[in-house]
Amino acid sequence: MTVTVFSLPFSLSIGGTGADTARMGEITLTRQCPSPPTSGFISSVLRFTHYGSLPVTSGQEISISTGQGSYSRHFVTRIERRGNVVTVYAEDLCSRLDLPFDSSSYTTDRIHVPTLVSRIASDCGFSGTQNVPAMFISREDLSNRTSREILTLISEYLCGVWCCTNDEKLRFTQLFDLTSTVSLTGEHTPLYLHTQNGPYDGIAAKNRETKEYHTAGNLTGDVLYLTAAMMTDTRAGELMTAFAGKSRRAFYLESLVCDDLTQGLTGIVQESTLISERTVTRFAPLITLSLRAKDITDPSAPPQEYREYLLSQSLRRGELYGATIMTEKGLCVLEKSTAQDVRDRGTYSFKAATRGVTDFEGAIMDSVMPESIERLSPTSRRITYNGVVYTLTYSDDGTRKTNITLTRAAT
């Protein structure tokens, strides 16, 4: 009789000592980022169960390797024991970033970010850094903050996320960029494609400190809404240049047989827009991946806070430049808002006259509706009024219409 012994395609060690994987239940490595991945970190959590006694302590190093190489080290953060079953949770080096950052050695007001990130990486045990853009931040941005808070501030401005790579480098990856890729060449379950947001025509980025929105591009098309520190009009324009024409796509792939070493933001190469926001690697009996991006419930609607911002801006312009309100006297045109009673600030009024004509303080305004309005483009219309054709054009920045012209079409 011939007995064939199948060995698992991975090995796991605890504190440098190989563990008996035959006594382990499910082993998973879950990497998850914010949705969309525009700030913060990609968390990496290794979880496994063990049946029987297991000598493991908090902070202990866990290593896992496959035939393709090794993942980054993880360090025990939680241990659960229930009877004869031990469940262990471990996180990568990013879990060490919560210590206060000592900024006392900095004397200049402008701090070089690549140099700063290299220092943070060294202090927290990373082997180096990758893909850190050249920029500067203020020394004030470092005071009374942890390393994680400083890196989050930088990631918001740059519009991306940090992660620990498999070779333990602290890496930055911007939105729509990838840290690793997989293909659908292995056996896999169906790939389900869900809602899509984009291709992006415009950006509306909220400054976290001032609460002001900075916009770029065409705000009447598909808009990418962001919240970021240190946001400016110039930075919004730079992001629009980088992200124009790109899209986010929600999807779900339950299982893909694949032993590739993934890291950070993982994408499916057959579909360039499919970037996984949650990638789960399962290590037994085969190495499989589960990938997904959160469903976009209403890709066309702006967030509530942006709508509230536009409303507040309209009210502010009304205070500065005048507005119209309805009172018991009729329509009042406010030349400039003050703290007085609005009923006393109406400078004009109107009343309805016969046959659809409105008497407006000496001006006659015809209230007959146009016969037809035809959309020519997002900022132009063809209007037929009393049998005469007019062309209406205007500019639209997403908050108000300007440069309005109405010309009679040539006959």
Protein backbone atom coordinates (compact mmCIF):
# COMPACT_ATOMS: atom_id res chain seq x y z
CA MET A 1 0.00 0.00 0.00
CA THR A 2 1.31 3.42 -0.96
CA VAL A 3 0.46 6.35 1.28
CA THR A 4 0.79 9.84 -0.23
CA VAL A 5 1.33 12.62 2.32
CA PHE A 6 0.25 16.10 1.18
CA SER A 7 2.18 18.88 2.88
CA LEU A 8 0.56 22.28 3.31
CA PRO A 9 2.02 24.93 0.96
CA PHE A 10 3.12 27.20 3.82
CA SER A 11 4.90 27.25 7.16
CA LEU A 12 4.21 29.30 10.29
CA SER A 13 6.58 30.06 13.14
CA ILE A 14 6.00 31.61 16.55
CA GLY A 15 8.93 33.40 18.12
CA GLY A 16 11.27 31.77 15.60
CA THR A 17 10.05 28.23 16.32
CA GLY A 18 8.06 26.34 13.71
CA ALA A 19 4.46 25.65 14.74
CA ASP A 20 2.56 22.43 14.21
CA THR A 21 0.16 23.54 11.49
CA ALA A 22 -1.58 20.15 11.60
CA ARG A 23 -3.12 21.23 14.92
CA MET A 24 -4.34 24.53 13.54
CA GLY A 25 -7.75 25.44 12.23
CA GLU A 26 -8.40 28.36 9.88
CA ILE A 27 -5.44 30.64 9.19
CA THR A 28 -6.23 33.98 7.55
CA LEU A 29 -4.35 37.14 6.69
CA THR A 30 -6.76 40.07 6.22
CA ARG A 31 -5.65 43.35 4.69
CA GLN A 32 -8.22 46.12 4.70
CA CYS A 33 -8.17 49.83 3.89
CA PRO A 34 -10.66 52.72 4.13
CA SER A 35 -13.26 53.00 1.35
CA PRO A 36 -12.20 54.76 -0.79
CA PRO A 37 -8.48 54.36 0.04
CA THR A 38 -7.73 58.08 0.28
CA SER A 39 -6.22 58.37 3.78
CA GLY A 40 -4.77 56.36 6.63
CA PHE A 41 -3.46 52.82 6.56
CA ILE A 42 -4.04 49.34 5.22
CA SER A 43 -4.44 47.19 8.31
CA SER A 44 -2.95 43.70 8.24
CA VAL A 45 -4.25 41.13 10.73
CA LEU A 46 -3.05 37.53 10.92
CA ARG A 47 -5.50 35.24 12.72
CA PHE A 48 -5.29 31.52 13.46
CA THR A 49 -6.75 28.96 15.82
CA HIS A 50 -4.78 26.19 17.53
CA TYR A 51 -6.11 23.05 19.20
CA GLY A 52 -4.24 22.18 22.37
CA SER A 53 -1.67 23.96 24.48
CA LEU A 54 0.20 26.76 22.71
CA PRO A 55 3.09 28.70 24.28
CA VAL A 56 2.39 32.16 22.88
CA THR A 57 2.61 35.60 24.53
CA SER A 58 1.56 39.15 23.65
CA GLY A 59 4.02 40.92 21.37
CA GLN A 60 5.57 37.69 20.15
CA GLU A 61 6.69 37.53 16.52
CA ILE A 62 4.68 35.44 14.05
CA SER A 63 6.14 34.62 10.63
CA ILE A 64 4.45 32.88 7.73
CA SER A 65 6.08 31.72 4.48
CA THR A 66 5.02 30.03 1.26
CA GLY A 67 6.86 28.62 -1.73
CA GLN A 68 6.83 32.15 -3.19
CA GLY A 69 8.52 33.81 -0.19
CA SER A 70 7.65 35.33 3.17
CA TYR A 71 5.08 37.81 4.37
CA SER A 72 6.05 40.60 6.74
CA ARG A 73 6.32 39.72 10.40
CA HIS A 74 3.24 40.12 12.55
CA PHE A 75 3.20 40.63 16.31
CA VAL A 76 0.67 39.15 18.70
CA THR A 77 -1.87 41.72 19.87
CA ARG A 78 -4.61 39.49 21.31
CA ILE A 79 -4.96 35.92 22.59
CA GLU A 80 -8.27 34.20 23.23
CA ARG A 81 -8.47 30.85 25.05
CA ARG A 82 -11.67 28.84 25.17
CA GLY A 83 -11.19 25.42 26.65
CA ASN A 84 -8.70 23.58 24.47
CA VAL A 85 -8.83 26.13 21.61
CA VAL A 86 -6.45 29.10 21.37
CA THR A 87 -7.16 31.94 18.89
CA VAL A 88 -4.28 34.31 18.15
CA TYR A 89 -4.44 37.74 16.49
CA ALA A 90 -1.31 39.48 15.24
CA GLU A 91 -0.67 42.74 13.36
CA ASP A 92 2.23 44.00 11.22
CA LEU A 93 4.68 46.81 12.02
CA CYS A 94 2.02 49.50 11.46
CA SER A 95 0.72 48.54 14.91
CA ARG A 96 3.82 50.23 16.38
CA LEU A 97 2.99 53.70 15.00
CA ASP A 98 0.83 54.86 17.91
CA LEU A 99 3.69 56.14 20.08
CA PRO A 100 4.06 59.95 20.47
CA PHE A 101 6.46 61.49 17.96
CA ASP A 102 9.31 63.57 19.41
CA SER A 103 9.55 66.69 17.22
CA SER A 104 11.86 68.64 19.55
CA SER A 105 14.89 68.11 17.30
CA TYR A 106 13.31 70.03 14.39
CA THR A 107 14.25 73.71 14.26
CA THR A 108 13.08 74.75 10.78
CA ASP A 109 9.47 75.58 9.94
CA ARG A 110 9.40 73.44 6.76
CA ILE A 111 9.93 69.71 7.23
CA HIS A 112 10.97 67.49 4.32
CA VAL A 113 8.44 64.65 4.25
CA PRO A 114 10.64 61.85 2.77
CA THR A 115 13.23 62.51 5.49
CA LEU A 116 10.51 62.63 8.15
CA VAL A 117 8.95 59.35 7.00
CA SER A 118 12.37 57.68 6.95
CA ARG A 119 12.85 58.63 10.59
CA ILE A 120 9.40 57.31 11.56
CA ALA A 121 10.08 54.07 9.70
CA SER A 122 13.41 53.61 11.47
CA ASP A 123 11.94 54.38 14.90
CA CYS A 124 9.15 51.81 14.41
CA GLY A 125 11.28 48.95 13.05
CA PHE A 126 10.62 49.16 9.30
CA SER A 127 13.46 48.24 6.96
CA GLY A 128 13.01 51.44 4.92
CA THR A 129 10.48 53.42 2.91
CA GLN A 130 8.98 53.24 -0.58
CA ASN A 131 7.20 55.62 -2.92
CA VAL A 132 7.16 58.65 -0.59
CA PRO A 133 6.45 61.80 -2.64
CA ALA A 134 8.64 64.86 -2.17
CA MET A 135 6.76 67.54 -0.24
CA PHE A 136 7.03 69.68 2.88
CA ILE A 137 4.83 70.13 5.93
CA SER A 138 4.91 72.64 8.76
CA ARG A 139 6.72 71.91 12.02
CA GLU A 140 3.47 72.76 13.79
CA ASP A 141 1.86 69.74 12.14
CA LEU A 142 4.19 67.47 14.14
CA SER A 143 3.53 68.77 17.65
CA ASN A 144 1.48 66.64 20.05
CA ARG A 145 0.88 63.95 17.44
CA THR A 146 1.72 60.27 17.19
CA SER A 147 3.57 58.87 14.20
CA ARG A 148 0.29 57.41 12.95
CA GLU A 149 -1.46 60.80 13.13
CA ILE A 150 1.37 62.50 11.23
CA LEU A 151 1.32 59.86 8.49
CA THR A 152 -2.48 60.08 8.27
CA LEU A 153 -2.20 63.84 7.80
CA ILE A 154 0.27 63.34 4.94
CA SER A 155 -1.80 60.56 3.33
CA GLU A 156 -4.91 62.77 3.27
CA TYR A 157 -3.07 65.52 1.43
CA LEU A 158 -1.55 63.06 -1.03
CA CYS A 159 -4.84 61.09 -1.34
CA GLY A 160 -3.69 57.54 -0.64
CA VAL A 161 -2.78 55.02 2.05
CA TRP A 162 0.27 53.64 3.86
CA CYS A 163 1.08 49.96 4.27
CA CYS A 164 3.82 47.62 5.43
CA THR A 165 5.20 45.70 2.46
CA ASN A 166 6.25 42.07 2.65
CA ASP A 167 9.88 43.17 2.92
CA GLU A 168 8.78 45.47 5.80
CA LYS A 169 9.12 48.82 4.11
CA LEU A 170 6.73 51.67 4.93
CA ARG A 171 5.13 52.35 1.55
CA PHE A 172 2.73 55.01 0.28
CA THR A 173 0.23 54.11 -2.47
CA GLN A 174 -1.94 56.79 -4.06
CA LEU A 175 -5.57 56.19 -5.00
CA PHE A 176 -5.86 54.17 -8.26
CA ASP A 177 -2.28 52.90 -7.92
CA LEU A 178 -1.48 49.29 -6.98
CA THR A 179 1.00 47.66 -4.63
CA SER A 180 0.47 44.12 -5.93
CA THR A 181 -1.60 42.34 -8.59
CA VAL A 182 -3.19 38.96 -9.16
CA SER A 183 -4.68 37.36 -12.27
CA LEU A 184 -7.71 35.14 -12.70
CA THR A 185 -5.69 32.29 -14.22
CA GLY A 186 -6.25 30.01 -11.22
CA GLU A 187 -9.47 28.27 -10.29
CA HIS A 188 -11.93 30.81 -8.94
CA THR A 189 -15.55 31.48 -8.11
CA PRO A 190 -17.57 33.94 -10.24
CA LEU A 191 -16.45 37.58 -10.27
CA TYR A 192 -19.39 39.82 -9.42
CA LEU A 193 -19.22 43.41 -10.69
CA HIS A 194 -21.37 45.98 -8.91
CA THR A 195 -21.75 49.75 -9.07
CA GLN A 196 -19.20 52.06 -10.68
CA ASN A 197 -18.28 55.64 -9.86
CA GLY A 198 -16.57 57.49 -12.69
CA PRO A 199 -14.83 58.12 -15.00
CA TYR A 200 -14.23 61.22 -12.91
CA ASP A 201 -14.73 64.65 -14.47
CA GLY A 202 -14.31 66.73 -11.31
CA ILE A 203 -13.12 66.79 -7.71
CA ALA A 204 -14.68 68.39 -4.61
CA ALA A 205 -12.19 68.16 -1.75
CA LYS A 206 -13.11 69.34 1.75
CA ASN A 207 -10.40 70.91 3.88
CA ARG A 208 -10.67 69.16 7.25
CA GLU A 209 -9.61 72.26 9.21
CA THR A 210 -11.46 75.09 7.43
CA LYS A 211 -14.46 72.97 6.31
CA GLU A 212 -14.23 74.71 2.91
CA TYR A 213 -14.50 72.74 -0.33
CA HIS A 214 -11.88 73.15 -3.05
CA THR A 215 -13.02 72.07 -6.49
CA ALA A 216 -11.53 71.34 -9.90
CA GLY A 217 -12.79 70.02 -13.21
CA ASN A 218 -16.39 69.67 -14.32
CA LEU A 219 -18.69 69.43 -11.31
CA THR A 220 -21.73 68.58 -13.45
CA GLY A 221 -20.28 65.17 -14.34
CA ASP A 222 -19.01 62.35 -12.10
CA VAL A 223 -17.31 63.95 -9.09
CA LEU A 224 -14.84 62.41 -6.65
CA TYR A 225 -15.60 63.70 -3.14
CA LEU A 226 -12.72 63.80 -0.66
CA THR A 227 -11.91 65.07 2.83
CA ALA A 228 -8.28 65.99 3.37
CA ALA A 229 -5.98 68.02 5.55
CA MET A 230 -4.16 71.03 4.10
CA MET A 231 -6.34 71.03 0.96
CA THR A 232 -6.11 74.02 -1.41
CA ASP A 233 -7.44 74.95 -4.85
CA THR A 234 -3.99 74.21 -6.30
CA ARG A 235 -3.87 70.76 -4.72
CA ALA A 236 -7.40 69.96 -5.92
CA GLY A 237 -6.28 70.83 -9.45
CA GLU A 238 -3.25 68.54 -9.14
CA LEU A 239 -5.43 65.64 -7.99
CA MET A 240 -7.86 66.29 -10.84
CA THR A 241 -4.98 65.99 -13.30
CA ALA A 242 -3.92 62.69 -11.70
CA PHE A 243 -7.40 61.15 -11.43
CA ALA A 244 -9.18 62.45 -14.56
CA GLY A 245 -10.92 59.66 -16.46
CA LYS A 246 -10.36 57.03 -13.76
CA SER A 247 -13.11 55.04 -12.05
CA ARG A 248 -13.91 53.08 -8.90
CA ARG A 249 -15.76 49.79 -9.29
CA ALA A 250 -17.37 47.75 -6.54
CA PHE A 251 -16.90 43.98 -6.93
CA TYR A 252 -16.72 40.69 -5.06
CA LEU A 253 -14.65 37.57 -5.69
CA GLU A 254 -15.19 34.92 -3.02
CA SER A 255 -12.29 32.60 -3.79
CA LEU A 256 -9.29 32.51 -6.12
CA VAL A 257 -6.67 29.76 -5.86
CA CYS A 258 -3.44 31.76 -5.87
CA ASP A 259 -0.14 31.54 -4.00
CA ASP A 260 1.10 34.99 -5.07
CA LEU A 261 2.36 37.11 -2.17
CA THR A 262 -0.05 40.05 -2.13
CA GLN A 263 0.57 43.27 -0.25
CA GLY A 264 -1.01 46.70 0.15
CA LEU A 265 -3.59 47.67 -2.48
CA THR A 266 -4.11 44.56 -4.60
CA GLY A 267 -5.71 44.74 -8.06
CA ILE A 268 -7.00 42.23 -10.57
CA VAL A 269 -4.90 42.76 -13.69
CA GLN A 270 -7.63 41.78 -16.17
CA GLU A 271 -9.71 44.71 -14.94
CA SER A 272 -7.53 47.75 -14.29
CA THR A 273 -10.24 49.50 -12.25
CA LEU A 274 -10.77 46.58 -9.87
CA ILE A 275 -8.81 47.49 -6.76
CA SER A 276 -9.51 45.37 -3.69
CA GLU A 277 -10.24 47.23 -0.45
CA ARG A 278 -10.38 44.01 1.56
CA THR A 279 -8.13 41.09 0.63
CA VAL A 280 -8.25 37.89 2.69
CA THR A 281 -5.64 35.16 2.24
CA ARG A 282 -6.59 31.71 3.56
CA PHE A 283 -3.79 29.20 4.04
CA ALA A 284 -5.45 25.81 4.31
CA PRO A 285 -5.80 23.41 2.64
CA LEU A 286 -4.87 25.51 -0.43
CA ILE A 287 -3.83 29.14 -0.52
CA THR A 288 -6.84 31.14 -1.72
CA LEU A 289 -7.70 34.81 -1.94
CA SER A 290 -10.97 36.62 -1.37
CA LEU A 291 -11.12 40.14 -2.83
CA ARG A 292 -13.76 42.84 -2.68
CA ALA A 293 -14.41 46.58 -2.95
CA LYS A 294 -17.26 48.12 -1.00
CA ASP A 295 -20.47 48.71 -2.91
CA ILE A 296 -21.14 52.33 -3.89
CA THR A 297 -24.76 52.79 -2.87
CA ASP A 298 -25.43 55.99 -4.84
CA PRO A 299 -22.47 56.82 -7.10
CA SER A 300 -24.07 59.91 -8.65
CA ALA A 301 -25.30 61.72 -5.53
CA PRO A 302 -23.02 64.10 -3.62
CA PRO A 303 -22.63 63.42 0.11
CA GLN A 304 -24.99 65.17 2.51
CA GLU A 305 -22.22 67.33 3.96
CA TYR A 306 -21.40 68.68 0.47
CA ARG A 307 -25.03 69.58 -0.18
CA GLU A 308 -25.13 71.35 3.18
CA TYR A 309 -21.95 73.22 2.25
CA LEU A 310 -23.45 74.44 -1.04
CA LEU A 311 -26.54 75.63 0.84
CA SER A 312 -24.43 77.53 3.36
CA GLN A 313 -22.47 79.12 0.51
CA SER A 314 -25.69 80.26 -1.15
CA LEU A 315 -26.85 81.82 2.10
CA ARG A 316 -23.49 83.52 2.52
CA ARG A 317 -23.65 85.00 -0.98
CA GLY A 318 -27.15 86.19 -0.21
CA GLU A 319 -25.85 88.02 2.85
CA LEU A 320 -23.07 89.64 0.83
CA TYR A 321 -24.73 90.41 -2.47
CA GLY A 322 -28.45 90.32 -1.79
CA ALA A 323 -31.16 87.71 -2.03
CA THR A 324 -34.88 87.33 -2.61
CA ILE A 325 -37.33 86.16 0.02
CA MET A 326 -41.09 85.78 0.19
CA THR A 327 -42.93 87.72 2.91
CA GLU A 328 -46.55 88.56 3.51
CA LYS A 329 -45.94 91.69 1.42
CA GLY A 330 -44.87 89.64 -1.55
CA LEU A 331 -41.43 89.11 -3.07
CA CYS A 332 -38.73 91.21 -1.41
CA VAL A 333 -35.33 91.75 -3.01
CA LEU A 334 -32.67 92.20 -0.33
CA GLU A 335 -29.80 94.38 -1.51
CA LYS A 336 -27.66 93.40 1.46
CA SER A 337 -28.57 91.41 4.52
CA THR A 338 -28.34 93.04 7.94
CA ALA A 339 -29.61 92.15 11.38
CA GLN A 340 -32.83 94.13 10.82
CA ASP A 341 -36.22 92.57 10.28
CA VAL A 342 -36.39 91.26 6.69
CA ARG A 343 -39.85 92.73 6.32
CA ASP A 344 -38.35 96.21 6.55
CA ARG A 345 -35.52 95.48 4.11
CA GLY A 346 -37.54 94.69 1.01
CA THR A 347 -36.74 97.35 -1.56
CA TYR A 348 -39.11 96.11 -4.24
CA SER A 349 -42.38 94.24 -4.38
CA PHE A 350 -44.51 92.69 -7.09
CA LYS A 351 -48.13 91.85 -7.77
CA ALA A 352 -49.87 89.65 -10.29
CA ALA A 353 -51.85 91.42 -13.03
CA THR A 354 -54.27 90.09 -15.61
CA ARG A 355 -53.40 87.78 -18.53
CA GLY A 356 -50.17 86.51 -16.96
CA VAL A 357 -48.41 89.86 -16.65
CA THR A 358 -46.57 90.78 -13.43
CA ASP A 359 -46.19 94.38 -12.29
CA PHE A 360 -42.75 94.64 -10.67
CA GLU A 361 -42.22 98.21 -9.41
CA GLY A 362 -42.70 99.72 -12.83
CA ALA A 363 -41.01 96.91 -14.78
CA ILE A 364 -43.23 94.65 -16.85
CA MET A 365 -42.19 90.99 -16.80
CA ASP A 366 -43.95 88.56 -19.16
CA SER A 367 -44.73 85.31 -17.35
CA VAL A 368 -45.67 83.29 -20.44
CA MET A 369 -43.71 80.02 -20.47
CA PRO A 370 -41.50 79.00 -23.44
CA GLU A 371 -42.98 76.59 -25.94
CA SER A 372 -39.96 74.27 -25.85
CA ILE A 373 -36.48 73.99 -24.30
CA GLU A 374 -33.94 71.72 -26.03
CA ARG A 375 -30.66 70.71 -24.37
CA LEU A 376 -27.72 71.26 -26.73
CA SER A 377 -24.91 70.65 -24.22
CA PRO A 378 -24.42 70.76 -20.45
CA THR A 379 -24.19 74.58 -20.69
CA SER A 380 -26.41 75.52 -23.64
CA ARG A 381 -30.09 75.34 -24.53
CA ARG A 382 -32.29 76.11 -27.57
CA ILE A 383 -35.48 77.89 -26.47
CA THR A 384 -38.58 78.49 -28.60
CA TYR A 385 -40.61 81.41 -27.29
CA ASN A 386 -43.64 82.90 -29.04
CA GLY A 387 -42.51 81.18 -32.23
CA VAL A 388 -39.00 82.69 -32.07
CA VAL A 389 -35.91 80.52 -31.47
CA TYR A 390 -33.21 81.68 -29.02
CA THR A 391 -29.90 80.17 -27.92
CA LEU A 392 -29.06 80.31 -24.20
CA THR A 393 -25.44 79.75 -23.10
CA TYR A 394 -23.82 79.99 -19.68
CA SER A 395 -20.91 78.86 -17.52
CA ASP A 396 -21.51 76.46 -14.61
CA ASP A 397 -18.97 75.85 -11.84
CA GLY A 398 -21.27 73.49 -9.99
CA THR A 399 -22.50 76.08 -7.52
CA ARG A 400 -23.84 78.89 -9.72
CA LYS A 401 -24.31 79.90 -13.34
CA THR A 402 -22.44 82.89 -14.78
CA ASN A 403 -21.69 84.47 -18.19
CA ILE A 404 -25.32 84.00 -19.23
CA THR A 405 -26.15 85.08 -22.79
CA LEU A 406 -29.42 84.82 -24.72
CA THR A 407 -29.21 85.40 -28.48
CA ARG A 408 -31.81 85.14 -31.20
CA ALA A 409 -31.03 82.33 -33.59
CA ALA A 410 -30.46 83.22 -37.21
CA THR A 411 -33.47 82.54 -39.42
